[in-house]
């Protein structure tokens, strides 16, 4: 089961919670896993900065933090996303906001599926997976950028 929570932010108009839940479920299934309990929390920079400081001892802004409670092959966890960072990332990388939004969501889910992003090789694999799922689940209009 996937729960979507907004903490002090409004989801972008292009987001359908039903479609987002289905895309996440399809990603997990495509990775050969099963979906147990997943919360996706959308918030702002200030809130996610406090989470980053409190739980990870990092004093900087980030776009996504993933708390993994998975018992593989069952996927379970919390994904916290700063919509402020997503929007800034999209602007700085000259990407559509929709594309960056889904990239960050899929990034968090991929972490729960067991993918890492600490080494250069891991980052290459993570980006390939993100791109694959963006092509598969995000509107064609957005992907023309």
Protein backbone atom coordinates (compact mmCIF):
# COMPACT_ATOMS: atom_id res chain seq x y z
CA UNK A 1 0.00 0.00 0.00
CA UNK A 2 1.25 3.45 -0.89
CA UNK A 3 0.30 6.55 1.08
CA UNK A 4 0.94 10.05 -0.24
CA UNK A 5 1.28 12.83 2.32
CA UNK A 6 1.62 16.58 1.80
CA UNK A 7 3.35 18.46 4.63
CA UNK A 8 2.92 22.19 4.08
CA UNK A 9 3.01 21.95 0.28
CA UNK A 10 0.56 21.43 -2.53
CA UNK A 11 1.22 18.74 -5.11
CA UNK A 12 1.82 20.06 -8.63
CA UNK A 13 -1.27 20.11 -10.83
CA UNK A 14 0.15 17.43 -13.16
CA UNK A 15 0.23 14.86 -10.33
CA UNK A 16 -2.58 12.36 -10.03
CA UNK A 17 -2.19 10.49 -6.75
CA UNK A 18 -3.82 7.44 -8.30
CA UNK A 19 -1.44 7.47 -11.28
CA UNK A 20 1.57 8.11 -9.06
CA UNK A 21 0.68 5.16 -6.83
CA UNK A 22 0.22 2.95 -9.90
CA UNK A 23 3.57 4.03 -11.41
CA UNK A 24 5.35 3.27 -8.13
CA UNK A 25 3.66 -0.11 -7.87
CA UNK A 26 4.57 -0.94 -11.47
CA UNK A 27 8.19 0.07 -10.89
CA UNK A 28 8.44 -2.18 -7.82
CA UNK A 29 6.85 -5.11 -9.65
CA UNK A 30 9.08 -4.56 -12.68
CA UNK A 31 12.09 -4.81 -10.37
CA UNK A 32 10.88 -8.23 -9.22
CA UNK A 33 9.78 -7.03 -5.80
CA UNK A 34 6.45 -6.72 -4.02
CA UNK A 35 5.07 -3.54 -2.49
CA UNK A 36 4.25 -3.66 1.20
CA UNK A 37 4.02 -0.30 2.99
CA UNK A 38 5.31 2.87 1.38
CA UNK A 39 4.80 6.48 2.38
CA UNK A 40 5.79 9.28 0.04
CA UNK A 41 5.93 12.57 1.92
CA UNK A 42 6.09 15.80 -0.07
CA UNK A 43 7.36 18.79 1.87
CA UNK A 44 9.57 21.89 1.60
CA UNK A 45 13.27 22.67 2.03
CA UNK A 46 13.03 23.74 5.66
CA UNK A 47 11.29 20.58 6.83
CA UNK A 48 13.57 18.24 4.90
CA UNK A 49 16.65 20.12 6.13
CA UNK A 50 15.56 19.44 9.72
CA UNK A 51 15.04 15.75 8.93
CA UNK A 52 18.47 15.67 7.26
CA UNK A 53 20.09 17.22 10.34
CA UNK A 54 18.21 15.12 12.91
CA UNK A 55 18.47 11.68 11.33
CA UNK A 56 21.49 11.85 9.02
CA UNK A 57 23.64 14.55 10.67
CA UNK A 58 23.79 16.43 7.36
CA UNK A 59 23.43 20.21 7.44
CA UNK A 60 22.42 20.85 3.83
CA UNK A 61 19.39 20.88 1.58
CA UNK A 62 18.53 17.74 -0.36
CA UNK A 63 15.79 16.71 -2.73
CA UNK A 64 15.04 13.26 -1.31
CA UNK A 65 15.66 11.21 1.81
CA UNK A 66 14.72 7.54 1.88
CA UNK A 67 14.18 5.49 5.02
CA UNK A 68 14.32 1.83 4.05
CA UNK A 69 12.36 -0.71 6.12
CA UNK A 70 12.33 -3.31 3.34
CA UNK A 71 12.58 -7.01 3.94
CA UNK A 72 13.53 -7.94 0.39
CA UNK A 73 11.79 -8.83 -1.81
CA UNK A 74 9.11 -6.81 -0.01
CA UNK A 75 9.54 -3.06 -0.44
CA UNK A 76 8.68 -0.91 2.55
CA UNK A 77 9.80 2.55 3.63
CA UNK A 78 9.36 6.29 3.75
CA UNK A 79 10.42 8.62 0.97
CA UNK A 80 10.58 12.33 1.85
CA UNK A 81 10.83 14.82 -1.01
CA UNK A 82 11.38 18.58 -0.97
CA UNK A 83 9.32 20.11 -3.77
CA UNK A 84 11.44 23.28 -3.40
CA UNK A 85 14.58 21.28 -4.33
CA UNK A 86 12.81 19.46 -7.16
CA UNK A 87 11.74 22.76 -8.69
CA UNK A 88 15.21 24.31 -8.25
CA UNK A 89 16.85 21.20 -9.74
CA UNK A 90 14.56 21.35 -12.77
CA UNK A 91 15.36 25.03 -13.33
CA UNK A 92 19.12 24.63 -12.89
CA UNK A 93 19.27 21.59 -15.19
CA UNK A 94 16.83 23.08 -17.74
CA UNK A 95 14.42 20.16 -17.32
CA UNK A 96 10.65 20.07 -17.17
CA UNK A 97 9.43 20.17 -13.57
CA UNK A 98 7.30 17.06 -14.23
CA UNK A 99 10.32 15.11 -15.41
CA UNK A 100 12.43 16.07 -12.39
CA UNK A 101 9.52 15.38 -10.03
CA UNK A 102 9.18 11.80 -11.25
CA UNK A 103 12.96 11.29 -11.40
CA UNK A 104 13.22 12.08 -7.70
CA UNK A 105 10.22 9.89 -6.80
CA UNK A 106 11.61 6.98 -8.82
CA UNK A 107 15.07 7.55 -7.30
CA UNK A 108 13.64 7.04 -3.82
CA UNK A 109 11.71 3.94 -4.84
CA UNK A 110 14.79 2.50 -6.56
CA UNK A 111 16.72 2.89 -3.30
CA UNK A 112 14.04 0.80 -1.61
CA UNK A 113 14.46 -1.79 -4.36
CA UNK A 114 18.13 -2.10 -3.41
CA UNK A 115 19.88 0.33 -5.76
CA UNK A 116 22.67 2.51 -4.39
CA UNK A 117 24.25 5.76 -5.59
CA UNK A 118 27.52 6.08 -3.69
CA UNK A 119 30.00 4.90 -6.33
CA UNK A 120 30.34 6.12 -9.92
CA UNK A 121 29.20 2.74 -11.22
CA UNK A 122 26.18 2.77 -8.90
CA UNK A 123 25.26 6.29 -10.04
CA UNK A 124 25.36 5.23 -13.71
CA UNK A 125 23.01 2.31 -13.00
CA UNK A 126 20.68 4.50 -10.91
CA UNK A 127 20.46 7.14 -13.68
CA UNK A 128 19.76 4.47 -16.30
CA UNK A 129 16.94 3.07 -14.16
CA UNK A 130 15.50 6.55 -13.50
CA UNK A 131 15.57 7.33 -17.23
CA UNK A 132 13.94 4.00 -18.06
CA UNK A 133 11.02 4.60 -15.70
CA UNK A 134 10.62 8.23 -16.75
CA UNK A 135 10.34 7.08 -20.37
CA UNK A 136 7.87 4.42 -19.34
CA UNK A 137 5.60 6.36 -16.99
CA UNK A 138 5.89 10.10 -17.68
CA UNK A 139 3.96 11.85 -20.44
CA UNK A 140 5.54 11.93 -23.89
CA UNK A 141 5.16 15.74 -24.04
CA UNK A 142 7.44 16.11 -21.04
CA UNK A 143 10.03 13.71 -22.42
CA UNK A 144 10.56 15.77 -25.57
CA UNK A 145 12.96 18.08 -23.71
